[in-house]
Amino acid sequence: MTAIQLKKLLVHRISEINDVSFLKALKTILDSKTDAEVLMLTEDQRQEIMQSKKEMQESLFMDQKTLDKKVAKWASAK
């Protein structure tokens, strides 16, 4: 049985249930599997993310290895 077939079967079976406490128990189970944690961001945080995405698209970044070399060179120059 595919996931889609199983979902249809479950929807049909649930629609036949009138026991409120049982339906609440099912809801609790479903909520535990479907609740996605929503991360609330400030406008500044959203802007920072958008700017970072733009920089990535434009290849305006360097990989960690290159950055480590630059920092090591900078640190040894002092």
C-alpha atoms as a PDB file:
ATOM      1  CA  MET A   1       0.000   0.000   0.000  1.00  0.00           C
ATOM      2  CA  THR A   2       1.400   3.390  -0.979  1.00  0.00           C
ATOM      3  CA  ALA A   3       1.488   6.386   1.319  1.00  0.00           C
ATOM      4  CA  ILE A   4      -1.264   8.079  -0.702  1.00  0.00           C
ATOM      5  CA  GLN A   5      -3.512   5.015  -0.510  1.00  0.00           C
ATOM      6  CA  LEU A   6      -2.909   4.721   3.214  1.00  0.00           C
ATOM      7  CA  LYS A   7      -3.718   8.401   3.756  1.00  0.00           C
ATOM      8  CA  LYS A   8      -6.985   8.061   1.854  1.00  0.00           C
ATOM      9  CA  LEU A   9      -7.923   4.975   3.867  1.00  0.00           C
ATOM     10  CA  LEU A  10      -7.129   6.730   7.152  1.00  0.00           C
ATOM     11  CA  VAL A  11      -9.106   9.840   6.201  1.00  0.00           C
ATOM     12  CA  HIS A  12     -12.082   7.673   5.341  1.00  0.00           C
ATOM     13  CA  ARG A  13     -11.811   5.666   8.562  1.00  0.00           C
ATOM     14  CA  ILE A  14     -11.367   8.784  10.702  1.00  0.00           C
ATOM     15  CA  SER A  15     -14.431  10.383   9.100  1.00  0.00           C
ATOM     16  CA  GLU A  16     -16.490   7.485  10.462  1.00  0.00           C
ATOM     17  CA  ILE A  17     -15.361   7.988  14.077  1.00  0.00           C
ATOM     18  CA  ASN A  18     -17.618   9.994  16.404  1.00  0.00           C
ATOM     19  CA  ASP A  19     -15.770   9.395  19.687  1.00  0.00           C
ATOM     20  CA  VAL A  20     -14.445  12.844  20.624  1.00  0.00           C
ATOM     21  CA  SER A  21     -11.842  11.578  23.113  1.00  0.00           C
ATOM     22  CA  PHE A  22     -10.485   9.121  20.541  1.00  0.00           C
ATOM     23  CA  LEU A  23     -10.331  11.862  17.898  1.00  0.00           C
ATOM     24  CA  LYS A  24      -8.490  14.133  20.359  1.00  0.00           C
ATOM     25  CA  ALA A  25      -5.994  11.323  21.008  1.00  0.00           C
ATOM     26  CA  LEU A  26      -5.453  10.949  17.258  1.00  0.00           C
ATOM     27  CA  LYS A  27      -4.973  14.697  16.963  1.00  0.00           C
ATOM     28  CA  THR A  28      -2.319  14.585  19.685  1.00  0.00           C
ATOM     29  CA  ILE A  29      -0.473  11.842  17.830  1.00  0.00           C
ATOM     30  CA  LEU A  30      -0.695  13.725  14.536  1.00  0.00           C
ATOM     31  CA  ASP A  31       0.389  16.986  16.142  1.00  0.00           C
ATOM     32  CA  SER A  32       3.531  15.336  17.488  1.00  0.00           C
ATOM     33  CA  LYS A  33       4.501  14.274  13.953  1.00  0.00           C
ATOM     34  CA  THR A  34       3.493  17.369  12.022  1.00  0.00           C
ATOM     35  CA  ASP A  35       4.378  20.280  14.285  1.00  0.00           C
ATOM     36  CA  ALA A  36       7.181  22.097  12.577  1.00  0.00           C
ATOM     37  CA  GLU A  37       9.083  24.469  14.786  1.00  0.00           C
ATOM     38  CA  VAL A  38       8.479  27.979  13.515  1.00  0.00           C
ATOM     39  CA  LEU A  39      11.437  30.257  13.836  1.00  0.00           C
ATOM     40  CA  MET A  40      10.390  33.859  14.295  1.00  0.00           C
ATOM     41  CA  LEU A  41      12.886  36.290  12.812  1.00  0.00           C
ATOM     42  CA  THR A  42      13.185  40.022  13.159  1.00  0.00           C
ATOM     43  CA  GLU A  43      13.197  42.158  10.032  1.00  0.00           C
ATOM     44  CA  ASP A  44      16.947  42.711  10.484  1.00  0.00           C
ATOM     45  CA  GLN A  45      17.538  38.953  10.635  1.00  0.00           C
ATOM     46  CA  ARG A  46      15.465  38.397   7.478  1.00  0.00           C
ATOM     47  CA  GLN A  47      17.413  41.108   5.672  1.00  0.00           C
ATOM     48  CA  GLU A  48      20.727  39.586   6.780  1.00  0.00           C
ATOM     49  CA  ILE A  49      19.651  36.181   5.439  1.00  0.00           C
ATOM     50  CA  MET A  50      18.530  37.683   2.139  1.00  0.00           C
ATOM     51  CA  GLN A  51      21.832  39.556   1.808  1.00  0.00           C
ATOM     52  CA  SER A  52      23.768  36.362   2.545  1.00  0.00           C
ATOM     53  CA  LYS A  53      21.794  34.436  -0.074  1.00  0.00           C
ATOM     54  CA  LYS A  54      22.527  37.161  -2.622  1.00  0.00           C
ATOM     55  CA  GLU A  55      26.242  37.053  -1.807  1.00  0.00           C
ATOM     56  CA  MET A  56      26.250  33.273  -2.220  1.00  0.00           C
ATOM     57  CA  GLN A  57      24.526  33.533  -5.609  1.00  0.00           C
ATOM     58  CA  GLU A  58      27.131  36.068  -6.703  1.00  0.00           C
ATOM     59  CA  SER A  59      29.998  33.921  -5.336  1.00  0.00           C
ATOM     60  CA  LEU A  60      30.994  36.686  -2.923  1.00  0.00           C
ATOM     61  CA  PHE A  61      32.335  34.305  -0.298  1.00  0.00           C
ATOM     62  CA  MET A  62      35.333  32.115   0.421  1.00  0.00           C
ATOM     63  CA  ASP A  63      35.519  28.572   1.703  1.00  0.00           C
ATOM     64  CA  GLN A  64      36.638  27.806   5.259  1.00  0.00           C
ATOM     65  CA  LYS A  65      40.056  26.499   4.197  1.00  0.00           C
ATOM     66  CA  THR A  66      40.882  29.723   2.317  1.00  0.00           C
ATOM     67  CA  LEU A  67      39.622  31.821   5.204  1.00  0.00           C
ATOM     68  CA  ASP A  68      41.736  29.829   7.697  1.00  0.00           C
ATOM     69  CA  LYS A  69      44.845  30.451   5.570  1.00  0.00           C
ATOM     70  CA  LYS A  70      44.132  34.184   5.376  1.00  0.00           C
ATOM     71  CA  VAL A  71      43.560  34.403   9.134  1.00  0.00           C
ATOM     72  CA  ALA A  72      46.740  32.441   9.844  1.00  0.00           C
ATOM     73  CA  LYS A  73      48.715  34.726   7.528  1.00  0.00           C
ATOM     74  CA  TRP A  74      47.187  37.806   9.117  1.00  0.00           C
ATOM     75  CA  ALA A  75      47.876  36.500  12.644  1.00  0.00           C
ATOM     76  CA  SER A  76      51.503  35.662  11.873  1.00  0.00           C
ATOM     77  CA  ALA A  77      52.130  39.137  10.410  1.00  0.00           C
ATOM     78  CA  LYS A  78      51.608  40.819  13.790  1.00  0.00           C
END
